[in-house]
Amino acid sequence: MLQSAFVNFVVNLRRIDLFFRSVRTLVVVCLSLLLSIAIAGQVPNVQNPVPKPQPTPEQKQDKEHKQDKKDEKKDSKSKTAAKDQQLTAEQVAESVIVVYAFPVGRPKLNQIRKTEIEKGKLLITGADGLVTNANYQRWAMRPEAGGIAKIRFEQELPTATYSMVSSGDKIFGIYNESIFQPRDEATLSFQNRNVHSIEALLWYKENESKVELAGRDKILGVEYYLLDLTDKQGNKTRFYVSAKFFRVMMLDYEIGGIKETRKFRDYRYAQGVLVPFYSELRVGDKLIEEVQVGTVTFGQKVDETLFAAS
């Protein structure tokens, strides 16, 4: 009986020992698992980098070619800008002359525009706001070497037809074949039409006028050279010359402290000479005259008696 009890005791003891071993093993496994999780949490999640595609030799060459083109354009713009900045007043004026009588310039002007006959229509707005329609005809005759022309400007109004004539240093009017002295206002208007004109710039050398460059300006997105002309009598005119086309698009001057502005457009070539077929005159902000050229011819024979005072 004692032997049986002893045997049971030994068996129970082994079971207890086995139980503790199992518990210890479980604890060790759990600790190992927790340690592994902790270590895994500390390791950064590193992704394998995607290899960047390398350009082929052809692609490299094409890229370099495009960059060279961009650099060439920049250099070209810089050179053009530098060239523009270096233009003198005479270079601008001479460029205008070449453009108006392309491609020869002054010799062509002097050859073709010895005489001029121009016809068209006038739209005149009076001080009272009344608008008058009139037909006009203009004759001009220049010396052999160019320069100041003899001019006759005839207006056919609804009520009368009369002419204003500039011959040498004389200005007079003609009505029904009779000579008369125009009013000061009419004389001044006629003088301004001739003195402050594109022709004054085209023949600035022959007229011994001086030109000065007053810089550049941008008006409504258009770049202009500002060219100031002063004639022998001291009359001053500013010409707005297109920096792109070297055409006179506008001119202005002051009379009694009031600015008068004449604008030009509808440029066309007539017998190889550039002519604006439309112009308008503003005194201050008021539009007072519009001119629409109908026909213009150069080089035809003009009777000199048209400019005679007798």
C-alpha atoms as a PDB file:
ATOM      1  CA  MET A   1       0.000   0.000   0.000  1.00  0.00           C
ATOM      2  CA  LEU A   2       2.871   2.363   0.826  1.00  0.00           C
ATOM      3  CA  GLN A   3       4.523   1.328  -2.386  1.00  0.00           C
ATOM      4  CA  SER A   4       1.377   2.210  -4.375  1.00  0.00           C
ATOM      5  CA  ALA A   5       1.158   5.637  -2.711  1.00  0.00           C
ATOM      6  CA  PHE A   6       4.808   6.323  -3.460  1.00  0.00           C
ATOM      7  CA  VAL A   7       4.301   5.407  -7.099  1.00  0.00           C
ATOM      8  CA  ASN A   8       1.331   7.818  -7.355  1.00  0.00           C
ATOM      9  CA  PHE A   9       3.373  10.565  -5.745  1.00  0.00           C
ATOM     10  CA  VAL A  10       6.195  10.134  -8.278  1.00  0.00           C
ATOM     11  CA  VAL A  11       3.722  10.160 -11.173  1.00  0.00           C
ATOM     12  CA  ASN A  12       2.092  13.369  -9.917  1.00  0.00           C
ATOM     13  CA  LEU A  13       5.468  14.960  -9.449  1.00  0.00           C
ATOM     14  CA  ARG A  14       6.379  14.233 -13.058  1.00  0.00           C
ATOM     15  CA  ARG A  15       3.090  15.671 -14.232  1.00  0.00           C
ATOM     16  CA  ILE A  16       3.721  18.869 -12.282  1.00  0.00           C
ATOM     17  CA  ASP A  17       7.239  19.111 -13.708  1.00  0.00           C
ATOM     18  CA  LEU A  18       5.918  18.591 -17.231  1.00  0.00           C
ATOM     19  CA  PHE A  19       3.277  21.258 -16.704  1.00  0.00           C
ATOM     20  CA  PHE A  20       5.851  23.843 -15.601  1.00  0.00           C
ATOM     21  CA  ARG A  21       8.106  22.959 -18.534  1.00  0.00           C
ATOM     22  CA  SER A  22       5.216  23.520 -20.931  1.00  0.00           C
ATOM     23  CA  VAL A  23       4.391  26.835 -19.307  1.00  0.00           C
ATOM     24  CA  ARG A  24       8.028  27.921 -19.505  1.00  0.00           C
ATOM     25  CA  THR A  25       8.254  26.946 -23.158  1.00  0.00           C
ATOM     26  CA  LEU A  26       5.081  28.891 -23.933  1.00  0.00           C
ATOM     27  CA  VAL A  27       6.397  31.945 -22.149  1.00  0.00           C
ATOM     28  CA  VAL A  28       9.691  31.762 -24.074  1.00  0.00           C
ATOM     29  CA  VAL A  29       7.822  31.437 -27.386  1.00  0.00           C
ATOM     30  CA  CYS A  30       5.576  34.411 -26.571  1.00  0.00           C
ATOM     31  CA  LEU A  31       8.525  36.559 -25.571  1.00  0.00           C
ATOM     32  CA  SER A  32      10.388  35.626 -28.769  1.00  0.00           C
ATOM     33  CA  LEU A  33       7.330  36.506 -30.850  1.00  0.00           C
ATOM     34  CA  LEU A  34       6.880  39.902 -29.160  1.00  0.00           C
ATOM     35  CA  LEU A  35      10.580  40.656 -29.599  1.00  0.00           C
ATOM     36  CA  SER A  36      10.405  39.828 -33.295  1.00  0.00           C
ATOM     37  CA  ILE A  37       7.384  42.142 -33.779  1.00  0.00           C
ATOM     38  CA  ALA A  38       9.139  45.002 -31.960  1.00  0.00           C
ATOM     39  CA  ILE A  39      12.270  44.637 -34.090  1.00  0.00           C
ATOM     40  CA  ALA A  40      10.221  44.459 -37.280  1.00  0.00           C
ATOM     41  CA  GLY A  41       8.436  47.728 -36.349  1.00  0.00           C
ATOM     42  CA  GLN A  42      11.744  49.559 -36.061  1.00  0.00           C
ATOM     43  CA  VAL A  43      13.029  48.539 -39.524  1.00  0.00           C
ATOM     44  CA  PRO A  44      12.076  51.181 -42.165  1.00  0.00           C
ATOM     45  CA  ASN A  45       9.978  50.126 -45.099  1.00  0.00           C
ATOM     46  CA  VAL A  46      12.522  50.591 -47.904  1.00  0.00           C
ATOM     47  CA  GLN A  47      11.201  50.328 -51.441  1.00  0.00           C
ATOM     48  CA  ASN A  48      13.435  49.366 -54.249  1.00  0.00           C
ATOM     49  CA  PRO A  49      14.023  52.499 -56.402  1.00  0.00           C
ATOM     50  CA  VAL A  50      12.590  52.457 -59.906  1.00  0.00           C
ATOM     51  CA  PRO A  51      15.446  52.907 -62.340  1.00  0.00           C
ATOM     52  CA  LYS A  52      15.172  56.242 -64.275  1.00  0.00           C
ATOM     53  CA  PRO A  53      15.227  55.751 -68.032  1.00  0.00           C
ATOM     54  CA  GLN A  54      18.363  57.144 -69.564  1.00  0.00           C
ATOM     55  CA  PRO A  55      18.044  59.247 -72.765  1.00  0.00           C
ATOM     56  CA  THR A  56      19.409  57.742 -75.910  1.00  0.00           C
ATOM     57  CA  PRO A  57      22.251  59.504 -77.766  1.00  0.00           C
ATOM     58  CA  GLU A  58      19.727  60.667 -80.376  1.00  0.00           C
ATOM     59  CA  GLN A  59      17.495  62.196 -77.673  1.00  0.00           C
ATOM     60  CA  LYS A  60      20.487  63.954 -76.102  1.00  0.00           C
ATOM     61  CA  GLN A  61      21.471  65.395 -79.476  1.00  0.00           C
ATOM     62  CA  ASP A  62      17.905  66.571 -80.179  1.00  0.00           C
ATOM     63  CA  LYS A  63      17.692  68.271 -76.779  1.00  0.00           C
ATOM     64  CA  GLU A  64      21.013  70.035 -77.323  1.00  0.00           C
ATOM     65  CA  HIS A  65      19.858  71.126 -80.796  1.00  0.00           C
ATOM     66  CA  LYS A  66      16.647  72.654 -79.372  1.00  0.00           C
ATOM     67  CA  GLN A  67      18.613  74.467 -76.691  1.00  0.00           C
ATOM     68  CA  ASP A  68      20.976  75.844 -79.326  1.00  0.00           C
ATOM     69  CA  LYS A  69      17.958  77.125 -81.297  1.00  0.00           C
ATOM     70  CA  LYS A  70      16.602  78.864 -78.189  1.00  0.00           C
ATOM     71  CA  ASP A  71      19.984  80.451 -77.545  1.00  0.00           C
ATOM     72  CA  GLU A  72      20.181  81.607 -81.172  1.00  0.00           C
ATOM     73  CA  LYS A  73      16.733  83.230 -80.911  1.00  0.00           C
ATOM     74  CA  LYS A  74      17.748  85.002 -77.698  1.00  0.00           C
ATOM     75  CA  ASP A  75      20.957  86.211 -79.326  1.00  0.00           C
ATOM     76  CA  SER A  76      19.037  87.365 -82.399  1.00  0.00           C
ATOM     77  CA  LYS A  77      16.556  89.335 -80.271  1.00  0.00           C
ATOM     78  CA  SER A  78      19.380  90.853 -78.286  1.00  0.00           C
ATOM     79  CA  LYS A  79      21.221  91.854 -81.464  1.00  0.00           C
ATOM     80  CA  THR A  80      18.039  93.318 -82.974  1.00  0.00           C
ATOM     81  CA  ALA A  81      17.327  95.291 -79.816  1.00  0.00           C
ATOM     82  CA  ALA A  82      20.901  96.531 -79.717  1.00  0.00           C
ATOM     83  CA  LYS A  83      20.696  97.500 -83.386  1.00  0.00           C
ATOM     84  CA  ASP A  84      17.432  99.389 -82.826  1.00  0.00           C
ATOM     85  CA  GLN A  85      18.930 101.276 -79.913  1.00  0.00           C
ATOM     86  CA  GLN A  86      21.857 102.361 -82.083  1.00  0.00           C
ATOM     87  CA  LEU A  87      19.746 103.917 -84.869  1.00  0.00           C
ATOM     88  CA  THR A  88      20.239 107.630 -85.289  1.00  0.00           C
ATOM     89  CA  ALA A  89      17.637 110.195 -86.308  1.00  0.00           C
ATOM     90  CA  GLU A  90      18.993 110.317 -89.863  1.00  0.00           C
ATOM     91  CA  GLN A  91      18.984 106.528 -90.142  1.00  0.00           C
ATOM     92  CA  VAL A  92      15.313 106.449 -89.146  1.00  0.00           C
ATOM     93  CA  ALA A  93      14.492 109.253 -91.597  1.00  0.00           C
ATOM     94  CA  GLU A  94      16.412 107.622 -94.447  1.00  0.00           C
ATOM     95  CA  SER A  95      14.724 104.274 -93.713  1.00  0.00           C
ATOM     96  CA  VAL A  96      11.344 105.996 -94.068  1.00  0.00           C
ATOM     97  CA  ILE A  97      12.376 107.429 -97.436  1.00  0.00           C
ATOM     98  CA  VAL A  98      13.500 104.015 -98.690  1.00  0.00           C
ATOM     99  CA  VAL A  99      10.213 102.427 -97.602  1.00  0.00           C
ATOM    100  CA  TYR A 100       8.100 105.148 -99.263  1.00  0.00           C
ATOM    101  CA  ALA A 101      10.044 104.806-102.544  1.00  0.00           C
ATOM    102  CA  PHE A 102      11.199 101.203-102.307  1.00  0.00           C
ATOM    103  CA  PRO A 103      13.831 100.062-103.019  1.00  0.00           C
ATOM    104  CA  VAL A 104      15.822 103.063-104.253  1.00  0.00           C
ATOM    105  CA  GLY A 105      14.553 105.799-101.966  1.00  0.00           C
ATOM    106  CA  ARG A 106      15.418 109.453-102.624  1.00  0.00           C
ATOM    107  CA  PRO A 107      16.375 109.141-106.354  1.00  0.00           C
ATOM    108  CA  LYS A 108      13.037 107.455-107.054  1.00  0.00           C
ATOM    109  CA  LEU A 109      11.135 110.136-105.138  1.00  0.00           C
ATOM    110  CA  ASN A 110      12.840 112.941-107.038  1.00  0.00           C
ATOM    111  CA  GLN A 111      12.226 111.206-110.357  1.00  0.00           C
ATOM    112  CA  ILE A 112       8.586 110.172-109.890  1.00  0.00           C
ATOM    113  CA  ARG A 113       7.184 112.867-107.629  1.00  0.00           C
ATOM    114  CA  LYS A 114       8.296 115.924-109.585  1.00  0.00           C
ATOM    115  CA  THR A 115       4.619 116.588-110.152  1.00  0.00           C
ATOM    116  CA  GLU A 116       1.532 115.293-108.358  1.00  0.00           C
ATOM    117  CA  ILE A 117      -2.179 115.329-109.096  1.00  0.00           C
ATOM    118  CA  GLU A 118      -4.446 114.085-106.330  1.00  0.00           C
ATOM    119  CA  LYS A 119      -8.230 113.928-106.133  1.00  0.00           C
ATOM    120  CA  GLY A 120     -10.492 112.874-103.311  1.00  0.00           C
ATOM    121  CA  LYS A 121     -13.129 113.798-100.756  1.00  0.00           C
ATOM    122  CA  LEU A 122     -13.088 115.937 -97.618  1.00  0.00           C
ATOM    123  CA  LEU A 123     -15.276 115.668 -94.556  1.00  0.00           C
ATOM    124  CA  ILE A 124     -15.022 118.884 -92.531  1.00  0.00           C
ATOM    125  CA  THR A 125     -16.545 119.429 -89.078  1.00  0.00           C
ATOM    126  CA  GLY A 126     -17.051 123.081 -88.182  1.00  0.00           C
ATOM    127  CA  ALA A 127     -16.863 124.673 -84.735  1.00  0.00           C
ATOM    128  CA  ASP A 128     -20.666 124.480 -84.574  1.00  0.00           C
ATOM    129  CA  GLY A 129     -20.547 120.723 -85.193  1.00  0.00           C
ATOM    130  CA  LEU A 130     -21.906 121.064 -88.732  1.00  0.00           C
ATOM    131  CA  VAL A 131     -20.344 118.513 -91.112  1.00  0.00           C
ATOM    132  CA  THR A 132     -19.576 119.582 -94.684  1.00  0.00           C
ATOM    133  CA  ASN A 133     -18.801 117.224 -97.566  1.00  0.00           C
ATOM    134  CA  ALA A 134     -16.494 118.527-100.268  1.00  0.00           C
ATOM    135  CA  ASN A 135     -14.485 117.307-103.238  1.00  0.00           C
ATOM    136  CA  TYR A 136     -10.879 118.409-103.522  1.00  0.00           C
ATOM    137  CA  GLN A 137      -8.066 118.428-106.039  1.00  0.00           C
ATOM    138  CA  ARG A 138      -4.398 119.028-105.300  1.00  0.00           C
ATOM    139  CA  TRP A 139      -1.568 119.876-107.685  1.00  0.00           C
ATOM    140  CA  ALA A 140       2.111 119.966-106.688  1.00  0.00           C
ATOM    141  CA  MET A 141       5.308 120.766-108.595  1.00  0.00           C
ATOM    142  CA  ARG A 142       8.797 120.364-107.159  1.00  0.00           C
ATOM    143  CA  PRO A 143      12.209 121.657-108.280  1.00  0.00           C
ATOM    144  CA  GLU A 144      14.519 119.267-110.130  1.00  0.00           C
ATOM    145  CA  ALA A 145      16.424 118.435-106.930  1.00  0.00           C
ATOM    146  CA  GLY A 146      13.240 118.006-104.903  1.00  0.00           C
ATOM    147  CA  GLY A 147      12.392 120.143-101.905  1.00  0.00           C
ATOM    148  CA  ILE A 148       9.657 122.726-101.303  1.00  0.00           C
ATOM    149  CA  ALA A 149       6.911 122.391-103.882  1.00  0.00           C
ATOM    150  CA  LYS A 150       4.472 124.811-105.418  1.00  0.00           C
ATOM    151  CA  ILE A 151       1.037 123.664-104.278  1.00  0.00           C
ATOM    152  CA  ARG A 152      -2.525 124.412-105.296  1.00  0.00           C
ATOM    153  CA  PHE A 153      -5.351 122.997-103.203  1.00  0.00           C
ATOM    154  CA  GLU A 154      -8.858 123.379-104.612  1.00  0.00           C
ATOM    155  CA  GLN A 155     -12.022 122.703-102.611  1.00  0.00           C
ATOM    156  CA  GLU A 156     -15.402 122.236-104.215  1.00  0.00           C
ATOM    157  CA  LEU A 157     -17.918 123.060-101.479  1.00  0.00           C
ATOM    158  CA  PRO A 158     -21.710 122.870-101.840  1.00  0.00           C
ATOM    159  CA  THR A 159     -21.885 126.681-102.035  1.00  0.00           C
ATOM    160  CA  ALA A 160     -18.617 127.640-103.767  1.00  0.00           C
ATOM    161  CA  THR A 161     -15.353 126.474-105.297  1.00  0.00           C
ATOM    162  CA  TYR A 162     -12.061 128.173-104.435  1.00  0.00           C
ATOM    163  CA  SER A 163      -8.325 127.404-104.319  1.00  0.00           C
ATOM    164  CA  MET A 164      -5.443 128.111-101.969  1.00  0.00           C
ATOM    165  CA  VAL A 165      -2.004 128.466-103.550  1.00  0.00           C
ATOM    166  CA  SER A 166       1.506 128.324-102.086  1.00  0.00           C
ATOM    167  CA  SER A 167       4.179 129.525-104.501  1.00  0.00           C
ATOM    168  CA  GLY A 168       7.585 130.354-103.078  1.00  0.00           C
ATOM    169  CA  ASP A 169       6.987 132.528-100.035  1.00  0.00           C
ATOM    170  CA  LYS A 170       3.543 133.678-101.200  1.00  0.00           C
ATOM    171  CA  ILE A 171       0.143 132.315-100.142  1.00  0.00           C
ATOM    172  CA  PHE A 172      -3.002 133.558-101.838  1.00  0.00           C
ATOM    173  CA  GLY A 173      -6.484 132.467-102.823  1.00  0.00           C
ATOM    174  CA  ILE A 174      -8.227 132.156-106.179  1.00  0.00           C
ATOM    175  CA  TYR A 175     -11.987 132.460-106.629  1.00  0.00           C
ATOM    176  CA  ASN A 176     -13.647 132.706-110.045  1.00  0.00           C
ATOM    177  CA  GLU A 177     -10.195 133.341-111.611  1.00  0.00           C
ATOM    178  CA  SER A 178      -9.697 136.301-109.274  1.00  0.00           C
ATOM    179  CA  ILE A 179      -6.917 136.601-106.692  1.00  0.00           C
ATOM    180  CA  PHE A 180      -7.880 137.330-103.073  1.00  0.00           C
ATOM    181  CA  GLN A 181      -6.184 137.458 -99.706  1.00  0.00           C
ATOM    182  CA  PRO A 182      -7.522 134.600 -97.502  1.00  0.00           C
ATOM    183  CA  ARG A 183      -8.489 135.070 -93.882  1.00  0.00           C
ATOM    184  CA  ASP A 184      -5.723 134.389 -91.360  1.00  0.00           C
ATOM    185  CA  GLU A 185      -7.489 131.250 -90.158  1.00  0.00           C
ATOM    186  CA  ALA A 186      -7.699 129.812 -93.682  1.00  0.00           C
ATOM    187  CA  THR A 187      -4.067 130.741 -94.406  1.00  0.00           C
ATOM    188  CA  LEU A 188      -2.850 129.046 -91.204  1.00  0.00           C
ATOM    189  CA  SER A 189      -4.850 125.898 -91.942  1.00  0.00           C
ATOM    190  CA  PHE A 190      -3.379 125.723 -95.463  1.00  0.00           C
ATOM    191  CA  GLN A 191       0.161 126.287 -94.163  1.00  0.00           C
ATOM    192  CA  ASN A 192      -0.215 123.563 -91.553  1.00  0.00           C
ATOM    193  CA  ARG A 193      -1.396 121.100 -94.201  1.00  0.00           C
ATOM    194  CA  ASN A 194       1.839 121.649 -96.149  1.00  0.00           C
ATOM    195  CA  VAL A 195       4.410 122.335 -93.422  1.00  0.00           C
ATOM    196  CA  HIS A 196       3.337 119.537 -91.073  1.00  0.00           C
ATOM    197  CA  SER A 197       3.164 116.719 -93.594  1.00  0.00           C
ATOM    198  CA  ILE A 198       4.833 113.459 -94.566  1.00  0.00           C
ATOM    199  CA  GLU A 199       6.379 115.320 -97.529  1.00  0.00           C
ATOM    200  CA  ALA A 200       8.255 117.547 -95.063  1.00  0.00           C
ATOM    201  CA  LEU A 201      10.045 114.429 -93.797  1.00  0.00           C
ATOM    202  CA  LEU A 202      10.599 112.839 -97.212  1.00  0.00           C
ATOM    203  CA  TRP A 203      12.425 115.981 -98.421  1.00  0.00           C
ATOM    204  CA  TYR A 204      13.970 117.043 -95.102  1.00  0.00           C
ATOM    205  CA  LYS A 205      17.506 117.225 -96.532  1.00  0.00           C
ATOM    206  CA  GLU A 206      16.502 119.210 -99.604  1.00  0.00           C
ATOM    207  CA  ASN A 207      14.587 121.615 -97.328  1.00  0.00           C
ATOM    208  CA  GLU A 208      17.583 121.848 -94.958  1.00  0.00           C
ATOM    209  CA  SER A 209      15.466 120.709 -92.019  1.00  0.00           C
ATOM    210  CA  LYS A 210      16.957 119.120 -88.899  1.00  0.00           C
ATOM    211  CA  VAL A 211      15.837 115.795 -87.448  1.00  0.00           C
ATOM    212  CA  GLU A 212      16.325 114.559 -83.893  1.00  0.00           C
ATOM    213  CA  LEU A 213      15.398 111.241 -82.317  1.00  0.00           C
ATOM    214  CA  ALA A 214      13.300 111.734 -79.181  1.00  0.00           C
ATOM    215  CA  GLY A 215      13.376 108.034 -78.253  1.00  0.00           C
ATOM    216  CA  ARG A 216      10.793 105.299 -78.616  1.00  0.00           C
ATOM    217  CA  ASP A 217       7.278 104.842 -77.329  1.00  0.00           C
ATOM    218  CA  LYS A 218       4.617 102.120 -77.340  1.00  0.00           C
ATOM    219  CA  ILE A 219       1.052 103.240 -78.090  1.00  0.00           C
ATOM    220  CA  LEU A 220      -1.766 100.666 -78.091  1.00  0.00           C
ATOM    221  CA  GLY A 221       0.817  97.902 -78.378  1.00  0.00           C
ATOM    222  CA  VAL A 222       2.649  99.449 -81.370  1.00  0.00           C
ATOM    223  CA  GLU A 223       6.296 100.515 -81.092  1.00  0.00           C
ATOM    224  CA  TYR A 224       7.184 103.915 -82.562  1.00  0.00           C
ATOM    225  CA  TYR A 225      10.307 105.950 -83.160  1.00  0.00           C
ATOM    226  CA  LEU A 226       9.644 109.543 -82.131  1.00  0.00           C
ATOM    227  CA  LEU A 227      11.295 111.680 -84.790  1.00  0.00           C
ATOM    228  CA  ASP A 228      11.308 115.451 -84.322  1.00  0.00           C
ATOM    229  CA  LEU A 229      11.741 117.668 -87.395  1.00  0.00           C
ATOM    230  CA  THR A 230      12.488 121.390 -87.334  1.00  0.00           C
ATOM    231  CA  ASP A 231      12.439 123.311 -90.629  1.00  0.00           C
ATOM    232  CA  LYS A 232      14.347 126.490 -91.524  1.00  0.00           C
ATOM    233  CA  GLN A 233      11.447 128.657 -90.344  1.00  0.00           C
ATOM    234  CA  GLY A 234      11.461 126.989 -86.922  1.00  0.00           C
ATOM    235  CA  ASN A 235       8.276 124.933 -87.430  1.00  0.00           C
ATOM    236  CA  LYS A 236       8.433 121.728 -85.376  1.00  0.00           C
ATOM    237  CA  THR A 237       6.708 118.436 -86.157  1.00  0.00           C
ATOM    238  CA  ARG A 238       6.909 115.119 -84.333  1.00  0.00           C
ATOM    239  CA  PHE A 239       6.568 112.024 -86.519  1.00  0.00           C
ATOM    240  CA  TYR A 240       5.502 108.669 -85.078  1.00  0.00           C
ATOM    241  CA  VAL A 241       7.356 106.140 -87.225  1.00  0.00           C
ATOM    242  CA  SER A 242       6.450 102.464 -86.948  1.00  0.00           C
ATOM    243  CA  ALA A 243       9.503 100.640 -85.571  1.00  0.00           C
ATOM    244  CA  LYS A 244       8.452  97.559 -87.551  1.00  0.00           C
ATOM    245  CA  PHE A 245       7.475  98.984 -90.952  1.00  0.00           C
ATOM    246  CA  PHE A 246       9.082 102.469 -90.921  1.00  0.00           C
ATOM    247  CA  ARG A 247       5.823 104.103 -91.988  1.00  0.00           C
ATOM    248  CA  VAL A 248       4.599 107.400 -90.571  1.00  0.00           C
ATOM    249  CA  MET A 249       1.412 106.475 -88.738  1.00  0.00           C
ATOM    250  CA  MET A 250       0.872 109.796 -87.012  1.00  0.00           C
ATOM    251  CA  LEU A 251       2.312 113.275 -86.613  1.00  0.00           C
ATOM    252  CA  ASP A 252       1.566 116.122 -84.237  1.00  0.00           C
ATOM    253  CA  TYR A 253       2.492 119.739 -83.635  1.00  0.00           C
ATOM    254  CA  GLU A 254       1.342 122.662 -81.500  1.00  0.00           C
ATOM    255  CA  ILE A 255      -0.399 125.828 -82.629  1.00  0.00           C
ATOM    256  CA  GLY A 256      -0.996 128.417 -79.914  1.00  0.00           C
ATOM    257  CA  GLY A 257      -0.425 125.813 -77.194  1.00  0.00           C
ATOM    258  CA  ILE A 258      -3.013 123.423 -78.677  1.00  0.00           C
ATOM    259  CA  LYS A 259      -1.868 120.082 -80.055  1.00  0.00           C
ATOM    260  CA  GLU A 260      -3.017 119.112 -83.520  1.00  0.00           C
ATOM    261  CA  THR A 261      -2.679 115.470 -84.577  1.00  0.00           C
ATOM    262  CA  ARG A 262      -2.917 113.946 -88.023  1.00  0.00           C
ATOM    263  CA  LYS A 263      -3.191 110.147 -88.339  1.00  0.00           C
ATOM    264  CA  PHE A 264      -2.610 108.070 -91.469  1.00  0.00           C
ATOM    265  CA  ARG A 265      -3.809 104.662 -92.602  1.00  0.00           C
ATOM    266  CA  ASP A 266      -4.901 102.643 -95.640  1.00  0.00           C
ATOM    267  CA  TYR A 267      -1.418 102.693 -97.138  1.00  0.00           C
ATOM    268  CA  ARG A 268      -1.141 101.647-100.788  1.00  0.00           C
ATOM    269  CA  TYR A 269       1.462 101.854-103.527  1.00  0.00           C
ATOM    270  CA  ALA A 270       0.753 104.257-106.392  1.00  0.00           C
ATOM    271  CA  GLN A 271       3.287 104.061-109.222  1.00  0.00           C
ATOM    272  CA  GLY A 272       5.712 102.371-106.848  1.00  0.00           C
ATOM    273  CA  VAL A 273       5.400 105.080-104.173  1.00  0.00           C
ATOM    274  CA  LEU A 274       3.730 104.470-100.809  1.00  0.00           C
ATOM    275  CA  VAL A 275       0.713 106.716-100.165  1.00  0.00           C
ATOM    276  CA  PRO A 276      -1.763 106.837 -97.237  1.00  0.00           C
ATOM    277  CA  PHE A 277      -5.222 106.922 -98.801  1.00  0.00           C
ATOM    278  CA  TYR A 278      -6.892 108.048 -95.564  1.00  0.00           C
ATOM    279  CA  SER A 279      -5.973 110.658 -92.974  1.00  0.00           C
ATOM    280  CA  GLU A 280      -7.743 112.492 -90.196  1.00  0.00           C
ATOM    281  CA  LEU A 281      -6.957 115.684 -88.328  1.00  0.00           C
ATOM    282  CA  ARG A 282      -7.800 116.328 -84.681  1.00  0.00           C
ATOM    283  CA  VAL A 283      -7.434 119.597 -82.805  1.00  0.00           C
ATOM    284  CA  GLY A 284      -7.169 118.598 -79.185  1.00  0.00           C
ATOM    285  CA  ASP A 285      -9.687 115.763 -78.909  1.00  0.00           C
ATOM    286  CA  LYS A 286     -12.025 117.028 -81.650  1.00  0.00           C
ATOM    287  CA  LEU A 287     -12.090 115.474 -85.104  1.00  0.00           C
ATOM    288  CA  ILE A 288     -12.265 118.343 -87.586  1.00  0.00           C
ATOM    289  CA  GLU A 289     -11.209 116.849 -90.915  1.00  0.00           C
ATOM    290  CA  GLU A 290     -11.123 113.513 -92.760  1.00  0.00           C
ATOM    291  CA  VAL A 291      -9.417 113.051 -96.112  1.00  0.00           C
ATOM    292  CA  GLN A 292     -10.156 110.118 -98.423  1.00  0.00           C
ATOM    293  CA  VAL A 293      -7.859 109.961-101.459  1.00  0.00           C
ATOM    294  CA  GLY A 294      -9.615 108.830-104.632  1.00  0.00           C
ATOM    295  CA  THR A 295      -6.810 108.863-107.193  1.00  0.00           C
ATOM    296  CA  VAL A 296      -3.196 110.041-107.217  1.00  0.00           C
ATOM    297  CA  THR A 297      -0.806 110.224-110.166  1.00  0.00           C
ATOM    298  CA  PHE A 298       2.824 111.299-110.378  1.00  0.00           C
ATOM    299  CA  GLY A 299       5.015 112.617-113.179  1.00  0.00           C
ATOM    300  CA  GLN A 300       2.271 113.994-115.380  1.00  0.00           C
ATOM    301  CA  LYS A 301       2.594 117.426-116.931  1.00  0.00           C
ATOM    302  CA  VAL A 302       1.168 120.193-114.748  1.00  0.00           C
ATOM    303  CA  ASP A 303       0.466 123.666-116.101  1.00  0.00           C
ATOM    304  CA  GLU A 304       2.633 126.162-114.188  1.00  0.00           C
ATOM    305  CA  THR A 305      -0.013 128.847-114.582  1.00  0.00           C
ATOM    306  CA  LEU A 306      -1.989 127.007-111.906  1.00  0.00           C
ATOM    307  CA  PHE A 307       0.435 128.509-109.360  1.00  0.00           C
ATOM    308  CA  ALA A 308       0.560 132.003-110.857  1.00  0.00           C
ATOM    309  CA  ALA A 309      -0.768 135.009-108.976  1.00  0.00           C
ATOM    310  CA  SER A 310      -1.910 136.777-112.133  1.00  0.00           C
END
